[in-house]
Amino acid sequence: MKGRHVMIVAGEASGDMHGARLVEAMSLLRPGLRFSGLGGRELAAAGVELLCDASKIAVVGITEVFSHLGDILAARKALIKRMRADRPALLILIDYPDFNLLLAAAAKKLGIPVFYYISPQVWAWRSGRVKKIGRLTDRMAVILPFEQDFYARRGVTVDFVGHPLKDTVRPESLSSRADFFRAHDLDVAPDCRVVGLLPGSRAKEIRSLLPDFLAAAELLTTEDKSRNWLFLLPRASTVSQELLWENGLALHQNRLNIRVVDDDRYALMAACDAAAAASGTVTLELAILGVPAVAAYRVSPWTYRIGRLLVRHLRHFSLVNLIARREVIPELLQNQVSPAALAAKLRQLIDDAGCRRETLRGLAEVTEMLGPPGCAERAAVLALSCMTS
């Protein structure tokens, strides 16, 4: 049984989800594998013995890291202890570089092969880590198409396996727009314009973006009173109703035709004519669903100043535009994020036929570049090829 043990480490919620799909794919290809490691509910549900809870170490920012340093060090110690006591045939690391690269170094000393799944954003900042990753890992699978060329130019070979979203966002499997409206008791006129407001799933994002998103929605309705408007606001499980209420919903609730929806997130997004979205994975989800969007990004002035010093070479910040290497969707950064600018961009995406057609064409190109479904299966084959037995 010693050679059938695999350790997997995912320090964040997205890594927990993608890691679970990888575990399931590996188990189908090689029944009898047993998994241990660090993760959350998704990995636990996939049958992984959790030695540490990822929620205790999934922190962002220097202050937060120091306040959780005890948990971080304890997690690292527990994982290395298990490596020594029950040496795995493979260590799988998912993103989360500062923690995972220390584990990779420990694994190499013990002669344990390392498979890195989902690259850290070394293409954005701290690119010097590329050579370290190449030295400490036996194989790496990346999920963004430009990452393979990025690593190759620096002398490191990696495998592009496609993007996991191509398996989870399946437009053909969603209910129709009309069915979505019926399921949520929405009486929508044929000429109604439906706009999604997607300010993110973290409290900081909600506080930073939702007030402007709602104010932009009000501008759209007041500047074009002849048209029916519906605004859809999906609420993630991590976001309380109170948080939405405190950050603009109470003010705009009676001024807008707006509905907060707790489920059917992808069907909601697909039902929209356009969306305002926090920059991040959601812009790729909208791209796959063929929904034009405005990407917005705002952080504290101090964080932004530091970020600009570290990330000076990127022309775009949204994943859609980074993959396309041109502006497919409009981006609003920092002080550019305003109700007037958001409303203007949304109106253009909805009413300017030429702009909308060109945006949809770009979204289709990006979706194609993400590769076919089956990302986890392809990554599983690579991972199994690295195992010692």
Protein backbone atom coordinates (compact mmCIF):
# COMPACT_ATOMS: atom_id res chain seq x y z
CA MET A 1 0.00 0.00 0.00
CA LYS A 2 2.96 2.34 0.51
CA GLY A 3 3.28 3.10 -3.19
CA ARG A 4 -0.46 3.81 -3.49
CA HIS A 5 -0.39 6.82 -1.19
CA VAL A 6 -0.69 10.28 -2.81
CA MET A 7 -0.46 13.56 -0.91
CA ILE A 8 -2.31 16.58 -2.29
CA VAL A 9 -2.14 20.18 -1.05
CA ALA A 10 -4.66 22.89 -1.95
CA GLY A 11 -4.57 26.01 0.17
CA GLU A 12 -7.50 27.92 -1.35
CA ALA A 13 -11.15 27.31 -2.23
CA SER A 14 -10.62 27.15 -6.00
CA GLY A 15 -7.70 24.75 -5.57
CA ASP A 16 -9.85 22.60 -3.28
CA MET A 17 -12.46 22.29 -6.03
CA HIS A 18 -9.99 21.62 -8.85
CA GLY A 19 -8.03 19.21 -6.66
CA ALA A 20 -11.16 17.21 -5.92
CA ARG A 21 -11.83 16.72 -9.64
CA LEU A 22 -8.20 15.61 -10.09
CA VAL A 23 -8.48 13.09 -7.25
CA GLU A 24 -11.66 11.67 -8.75
CA ALA A 25 -10.03 11.33 -12.18
CA MET A 26 -6.91 9.66 -10.74
CA SER A 27 -9.02 7.23 -8.71
CA LEU A 28 -10.93 6.18 -11.81
CA LEU A 29 -7.72 5.59 -13.74
CA ARG A 30 -6.00 3.77 -10.89
CA PRO A 31 -8.44 2.34 -8.31
CA GLY A 32 -7.07 1.76 -4.85
CA LEU A 33 -5.13 4.98 -4.47
CA ARG A 34 -5.44 6.61 -1.08
CA PHE A 35 -5.04 10.34 -0.61
CA SER A 36 -4.07 12.56 2.30
CA GLY A 37 -3.19 16.21 2.52
CA LEU A 38 -4.47 19.73 3.05
CA GLY A 39 -7.70 21.08 1.64
CA GLY A 40 -11.35 21.77 2.35
CA ARG A 41 -14.80 20.27 1.91
CA GLU A 42 -14.39 19.37 -1.76
CA LEU A 43 -11.23 17.30 -1.25
CA ALA A 44 -12.74 15.68 1.86
CA ALA A 45 -15.84 14.73 -0.15
CA ALA A 46 -13.55 13.21 -2.81
CA GLY A 47 -12.12 10.87 -0.18
CA VAL A 48 -8.96 12.72 0.87
CA GLU A 49 -7.86 12.30 4.49
CA LEU A 50 -7.41 15.89 5.58
CA LEU A 51 -4.41 16.36 7.83
CA CYS A 52 -5.00 20.12 7.94
CA ASP A 53 -7.94 22.42 7.18
CA ALA A 54 -7.10 24.84 4.38
CA SER A 55 -9.44 27.51 5.78
CA LYS A 56 -6.99 28.08 8.63
CA ILE A 57 -4.14 29.06 6.32
CA ALA A 58 -5.92 30.52 3.27
CA VAL A 59 -5.04 34.13 4.01
CA VAL A 60 -4.04 37.11 1.90
CA GLY A 61 -1.86 40.02 2.96
CA ILE A 62 1.16 40.43 5.21
CA THR A 63 -0.84 41.22 8.35
CA GLU A 64 -3.11 38.21 7.90
CA VAL A 65 -0.14 35.90 7.27
CA PHE A 66 1.52 36.96 10.52
CA SER A 67 -1.70 36.51 12.48
CA HIS A 68 -2.05 32.95 11.12
CA LEU A 69 1.62 32.05 11.21
CA GLY A 70 1.12 29.45 13.93
CA ASP A 71 -1.49 27.59 11.85
CA ILE A 72 0.68 27.81 8.72
CA LEU A 73 3.75 26.39 10.47
CA ALA A 74 1.68 23.68 12.15
CA ALA A 75 0.19 22.63 8.79
CA ARG A 76 3.61 22.42 7.18
CA LYS A 77 4.95 20.38 10.08
CA ALA A 78 2.01 17.94 9.96
CA LEU A 79 2.37 17.38 6.22
CA ILE A 80 6.12 16.78 6.38
CA LYS A 81 5.65 14.44 9.34
CA ARG A 82 3.19 12.35 7.29
CA MET A 83 5.59 12.37 4.32
CA ARG A 84 8.27 10.83 6.50
CA ALA A 85 6.01 8.34 8.27
CA ASP A 86 4.05 7.19 5.21
CA ARG A 87 6.11 8.28 2.24
CA PRO A 88 3.78 9.07 -0.67
CA ALA A 89 4.44 7.92 -4.20
CA LEU A 90 3.60 11.45 -5.34
CA LEU A 91 3.09 14.93 -3.91
CA ILE A 92 0.54 17.05 -5.80
CA LEU A 93 0.68 20.81 -5.25
CA ILE A 94 -2.04 23.21 -6.41
CA ASP A 95 -1.14 26.90 -6.83
CA TYR A 96 -0.49 28.51 -3.36
CA PRO A 97 3.23 28.96 -4.09
CA ASP A 98 4.81 30.35 -0.92
CA PHE A 99 3.55 27.41 1.14
CA ASN A 100 3.79 24.77 -1.56
CA LEU A 101 7.34 25.45 -2.74
CA LEU A 102 8.61 24.86 0.81
CA LEU A 103 6.81 21.50 0.76
CA ALA A 104 8.27 20.71 -2.66
CA ALA A 105 11.79 21.26 -1.28
CA ALA A 106 11.06 18.90 1.63
CA ALA A 107 9.65 16.29 -0.76
CA LYS A 108 12.71 16.41 -3.02
CA LYS A 109 14.98 15.73 -0.02
CA LEU A 110 12.89 12.65 0.72
CA GLY A 111 12.98 11.45 -2.90
CA ILE A 112 9.25 12.05 -3.44
CA PRO A 113 8.25 13.14 -6.98
CA VAL A 114 6.33 16.41 -7.21
CA PHE A 115 3.50 17.22 -9.61
CA TYR A 116 2.45 20.90 -9.68
CA TYR A 117 -1.10 21.48 -10.93
CA ILE A 118 -2.18 25.06 -11.75
CA SER A 119 0.67 27.52 -11.90
CA PRO A 120 1.07 30.45 -9.56
CA GLN A 121 0.77 33.79 -11.36
CA VAL A 122 4.51 34.01 -11.99
CA TRP A 123 3.73 35.68 -15.31
CA ALA A 124 2.32 38.65 -13.37
CA TRP A 125 4.95 39.10 -10.68
CA ARG A 126 7.96 37.41 -9.07
CA SER A 127 8.85 35.62 -12.30
CA GLY A 128 12.14 34.60 -10.68
CA ARG A 129 10.20 31.71 -9.11
CA VAL A 130 10.02 30.00 -12.50
CA LYS A 131 13.46 28.41 -12.22
CA LYS A 132 12.75 27.37 -8.63
CA ILE A 133 9.52 25.70 -9.74
CA GLY A 134 11.37 23.95 -12.56
CA ARG A 135 14.04 22.72 -10.14
CA LEU A 136 11.66 21.44 -7.46
CA THR A 137 8.95 19.81 -9.59
CA ASP A 138 9.02 16.73 -11.79
CA ARG A 139 6.13 17.86 -13.95
CA MET A 140 3.77 20.79 -14.12
CA ALA A 141 0.31 21.18 -15.65
CA VAL A 142 -0.89 24.71 -16.45
CA ILE A 143 -4.44 25.83 -17.25
CA LEU A 144 -3.95 29.14 -19.10
CA PRO A 145 -2.82 28.85 -22.73
CA PHE A 146 -0.12 31.54 -22.59
CA GLU A 147 1.59 29.94 -19.57
CA GLN A 148 3.22 27.18 -21.62
CA ASP A 149 5.06 29.72 -23.80
CA PHE A 150 5.93 31.82 -20.76
CA TYR A 151 7.68 28.90 -19.07
CA ALA A 152 9.30 27.69 -22.30
CA ARG A 153 10.95 31.08 -22.84
CA ARG A 154 12.57 30.62 -19.44
CA GLY A 155 13.78 27.10 -20.12
CA VAL A 156 11.09 25.19 -18.23
CA THR A 157 8.82 22.65 -19.93
CA VAL A 158 5.22 22.47 -18.72
CA ASP A 159 2.04 20.85 -20.06
CA PHE A 160 -1.10 22.81 -20.95
CA VAL A 161 -4.09 20.65 -19.99
CA GLY A 162 -6.90 23.09 -20.68
CA HIS A 163 -8.99 25.02 -18.16
CA PRO A 164 -11.18 23.35 -15.49
CA LEU A 165 -14.00 25.79 -16.23
CA LYS A 166 -14.62 24.03 -19.53
CA ASP A 167 -15.91 21.10 -17.46
CA THR A 168 -17.93 23.11 -14.94
CA VAL A 169 -19.42 25.82 -17.18
CA ARG A 170 -21.45 23.96 -19.80
CA PRO A 171 -23.80 26.33 -21.66
CA GLU A 172 -25.50 23.43 -23.44
CA SER A 173 -26.58 21.91 -20.12
CA LEU A 174 -28.22 25.06 -18.73
CA SER A 175 -31.92 25.85 -18.73
CA SER A 176 -33.09 28.40 -21.26
CA ARG A 177 -33.40 32.06 -20.41
CA ALA A 178 -37.19 31.76 -20.34
CA ASP A 179 -37.02 28.69 -18.07
CA PHE A 180 -34.68 30.53 -15.69
CA PHE A 181 -37.11 33.44 -15.46
CA ARG A 182 -40.04 31.08 -14.82
CA ALA A 183 -38.14 29.13 -12.17
CA HIS A 184 -37.47 32.33 -10.25
CA ASP A 185 -40.93 33.89 -10.77
CA LEU A 186 -39.56 36.72 -12.89
CA ASP A 187 -42.03 38.42 -15.21
CA VAL A 188 -39.71 39.69 -17.95
CA ALA A 189 -41.01 41.62 -20.95
CA PRO A 190 -39.62 40.66 -24.39
CA ASP A 191 -37.89 44.04 -24.75
CA CYS A 192 -36.36 43.93 -21.25
CA ARG A 193 -32.59 44.32 -20.94
CA VAL A 194 -31.10 42.01 -18.31
CA VAL A 195 -27.85 43.04 -16.64
CA GLY A 196 -25.84 40.94 -14.21
CA LEU A 197 -24.13 42.60 -11.24
CA LEU A 198 -21.27 40.38 -10.08
CA PRO A 199 -19.15 42.25 -7.51
CA GLY A 200 -17.32 39.14 -6.25
CA SER A 201 -17.54 36.67 -3.41
CA ARG A 202 -15.28 38.35 -0.84
CA ALA A 203 -16.39 41.04 1.61
CA LYS A 204 -13.67 43.43 0.43
CA GLU A 205 -14.83 43.12 -3.18
CA ILE A 206 -18.47 43.68 -2.22
CA ARG A 207 -17.63 46.81 -0.23
CA SER A 208 -15.40 48.15 -2.98
CA LEU A 209 -17.56 47.49 -6.05
CA LEU A 210 -21.22 46.86 -5.23
CA PRO A 211 -22.15 50.51 -4.44
CA ASP A 212 -20.84 51.64 -7.83
CA PHE A 213 -22.46 48.70 -9.64
CA LEU A 214 -25.84 49.58 -8.13
CA ALA A 215 -25.42 53.29 -8.85
CA ALA A 216 -24.55 52.42 -12.46
CA ALA A 217 -27.72 50.34 -12.67
CA GLU A 218 -29.74 53.32 -11.49
CA LEU A 219 -28.11 55.51 -14.11
CA LEU A 220 -29.12 53.05 -16.82
CA THR A 221 -32.74 53.09 -15.69
CA THR A 222 -33.02 56.87 -15.25
CA GLU A 223 -31.27 57.72 -18.53
CA ASP A 224 -33.46 55.34 -20.55
CA LYS A 225 -36.88 55.27 -18.91
CA SER A 226 -38.56 54.00 -22.07
CA ARG A 227 -36.88 50.60 -21.64
CA ASN A 228 -37.51 47.84 -19.15
CA TRP A 229 -34.46 46.85 -17.10
CA LEU A 230 -33.85 43.86 -14.84
CA PHE A 231 -30.73 43.54 -12.70
CA LEU A 232 -29.66 40.15 -11.38
CA LEU A 233 -27.32 39.87 -8.40
CA PRO A 234 -26.09 36.34 -7.60
CA ARG A 235 -25.28 35.85 -3.92
CA ALA A 236 -22.39 33.51 -3.15
CA SER A 237 -22.62 31.27 -0.08
CA THR A 238 -19.78 33.31 1.44
CA VAL A 239 -21.79 36.56 1.18
CA SER A 240 -24.51 37.44 3.68
CA GLN A 241 -27.66 39.31 2.77
CA GLU A 242 -26.67 41.88 5.39
CA LEU A 243 -23.39 42.59 3.57
CA LEU A 244 -25.30 43.32 0.36
CA TRP A 245 -27.82 45.42 2.26
CA GLU A 246 -25.13 47.51 3.94
CA ASN A 247 -23.29 48.17 0.67
CA GLY A 248 -25.98 49.77 -1.42
CA LEU A 249 -28.81 47.28 -1.75
CA ALA A 250 -30.87 48.99 0.97
CA LEU A 251 -30.49 52.32 -0.83
CA HIS A 252 -31.33 51.03 -4.31
CA GLN A 253 -33.75 48.17 -3.53
CA ASN A 254 -36.88 50.25 -4.18
CA ARG A 255 -35.39 52.24 -7.06
CA LEU A 256 -34.39 49.30 -9.23
CA ASN A 257 -35.98 46.21 -10.66
CA ILE A 258 -33.38 43.99 -9.00
CA ARG A 259 -33.44 40.38 -7.83
CA VAL A 260 -30.89 38.69 -5.55
CA VAL A 261 -30.59 35.01 -6.49
CA ASP A 262 -28.93 32.37 -4.30
CA ASP A 263 -28.72 29.50 -6.79
CA ASP A 264 -28.59 28.69 -10.53
CA ARG A 265 -25.57 30.98 -10.84
CA TYR A 266 -24.54 29.94 -14.34
CA ALA A 267 -28.11 30.00 -15.64
CA LEU A 268 -28.44 33.48 -14.17
CA MET A 269 -25.28 34.65 -15.91
CA ALA A 270 -26.33 33.10 -19.23
CA ALA A 271 -29.67 34.94 -19.02
CA CYS A 272 -27.95 38.34 -19.00
CA ASP A 273 -27.48 40.62 -21.99
CA ALA A 274 -24.35 42.04 -20.32
CA ALA A 275 -22.70 42.15 -16.90
CA ALA A 276 -20.54 44.24 -14.64
CA ALA A 277 -18.08 41.92 -12.93
CA ALA A 278 -15.18 41.97 -10.53
CA SER A 279 -12.01 41.00 -12.34
CA GLY A 280 -11.19 37.35 -11.81
CA THR A 281 -12.34 33.89 -12.79
CA VAL A 282 -15.90 35.16 -13.25
CA THR A 283 -14.82 36.99 -16.43
CA LEU A 284 -13.79 33.62 -17.92
CA GLU A 285 -17.12 32.09 -16.84
CA LEU A 286 -18.95 34.90 -18.62
CA ALA A 287 -16.75 34.41 -21.69
CA ILE A 288 -17.65 30.71 -21.93
CA LEU A 289 -21.32 31.63 -21.56
CA GLY A 290 -21.01 34.28 -24.28
CA VAL A 291 -22.01 37.22 -22.09
CA PRO A 292 -20.25 40.56 -22.75
CA ALA A 293 -18.93 42.11 -19.54
CA VAL A 294 -17.18 45.11 -18.06
CA ALA A 295 -14.34 44.02 -15.76
CA ALA A 296 -13.74 46.21 -12.71
CA TYR A 297 -10.82 46.09 -10.32
CA ARG A 298 -10.21 48.27 -7.28
CA VAL A 299 -7.95 47.80 -4.26
CA SER A 300 -6.65 50.17 -1.60
CA PRO A 301 -4.40 52.97 -2.93
CA TRP A 302 -1.43 51.57 -0.98
CA THR A 303 -1.91 48.06 -2.37
CA TYR A 304 -2.33 49.49 -5.87
CA ARG A 305 0.90 51.52 -5.66
CA ILE A 306 2.87 48.48 -4.53
CA GLY A 307 1.22 46.36 -7.21
CA ARG A 308 2.10 48.77 -9.97
CA LEU A 309 5.75 48.61 -8.92
CA LEU A 310 5.70 44.80 -9.08
CA VAL A 311 3.46 44.39 -12.12
CA ARG A 312 4.50 46.97 -14.69
CA HIS A 313 4.68 44.82 -17.81
CA LEU A 314 1.05 43.66 -18.10
CA ARG A 315 -1.16 45.67 -20.45
CA HIS A 316 -4.38 44.10 -19.13
CA PHE A 317 -5.62 42.75 -15.82
CA SER A 318 -8.67 40.63 -16.72
CA LEU A 319 -8.06 36.99 -17.61
CA VAL A 320 -10.12 37.30 -20.79
CA ASN A 321 -7.88 40.06 -22.15
CA LEU A 322 -4.68 38.44 -20.89
CA ILE A 323 -5.52 35.27 -22.81
CA ALA A 324 -6.59 37.14 -25.94
CA ARG A 325 -3.57 39.48 -25.66
CA ARG A 326 -5.85 42.35 -26.60
CA GLU A 327 -8.85 44.13 -25.15
CA VAL A 328 -11.88 41.93 -25.76
CA ILE A 329 -13.87 43.28 -22.82
CA PRO A 330 -13.57 46.79 -21.36
CA GLU A 331 -11.55 47.14 -18.16
CA LEU A 332 -11.97 49.80 -15.48
CA LEU A 333 -9.14 50.10 -12.96
CA GLN A 334 -9.07 51.94 -9.64
CA ASN A 335 -10.37 55.52 -10.10
CA GLN A 336 -11.75 54.58 -13.53
CA VAL A 337 -14.42 52.56 -11.71
CA SER A 338 -17.38 54.93 -11.43
CA PRO A 339 -21.15 54.64 -11.93
CA ALA A 340 -20.98 56.81 -15.06
CA ALA A 341 -18.15 54.81 -16.65
CA LEU A 342 -19.78 51.46 -15.82
CA ALA A 343 -23.14 52.58 -17.21
CA ALA A 344 -21.55 53.89 -20.40
CA LYS A 345 -19.63 50.64 -21.03
CA LEU A 346 -22.67 48.48 -20.31
CA ARG A 347 -24.86 50.58 -22.60
CA GLN A 348 -22.30 50.21 -25.39
CA LEU A 349 -22.14 46.42 -24.96
CA ILE A 350 -25.94 46.23 -25.12
CA ASP A 351 -26.87 48.82 -27.74
CA ASP A 352 -23.87 49.17 -30.07
CA ALA A 353 -24.39 46.30 -32.51
CA GLY A 354 -20.86 46.47 -33.92
CA CYS A 355 -19.22 46.57 -30.49
CA ARG A 356 -21.38 43.72 -29.24
CA ARG A 357 -20.66 41.57 -32.30
CA GLU A 358 -16.90 42.12 -31.97
CA THR A 359 -16.99 41.38 -28.23
CA LEU A 360 -18.90 38.14 -28.75
CA ARG A 361 -16.41 37.09 -31.43
CA GLY A 362 -13.53 37.73 -29.02
CA LEU A 363 -15.24 35.79 -26.23
CA ALA A 364 -15.69 32.82 -28.55
CA GLU A 365 -11.99 32.94 -29.47
CA VAL A 366 -10.95 32.98 -25.80
CA THR A 367 -13.29 30.09 -25.03
CA GLU A 368 -11.71 28.06 -27.82
CA MET A 369 -8.23 28.86 -26.51
CA LEU A 370 -9.14 27.40 -23.10
CA GLY A 371 -9.06 23.94 -24.67
CA PRO A 372 -11.64 21.15 -24.73
CA PRO A 373 -13.34 19.65 -21.65
CA GLY A 374 -11.41 16.94 -19.80
CA CYS A 375 -8.82 19.05 -18.00
CA ALA A 376 -8.83 16.90 -14.83
CA GLU A 377 -8.51 13.67 -16.82
CA ARG A 378 -5.52 14.97 -18.77
CA ALA A 379 -3.88 16.23 -15.58
CA ALA A 380 -4.54 12.86 -13.92
CA VAL A 381 -2.67 11.02 -16.66
CA LEU A 382 0.32 13.32 -16.18
CA ALA A 383 0.20 12.96 -12.41
CA LEU A 384 0.11 9.16 -12.56
CA SER A 385 3.08 9.16 -14.92
CA CYS A 386 5.13 10.84 -12.18
CA MET A 387 4.39 8.27 -9.48
CA THR A 388 7.22 6.10 -8.21
CA SER A 389 5.00 3.02 -8.30
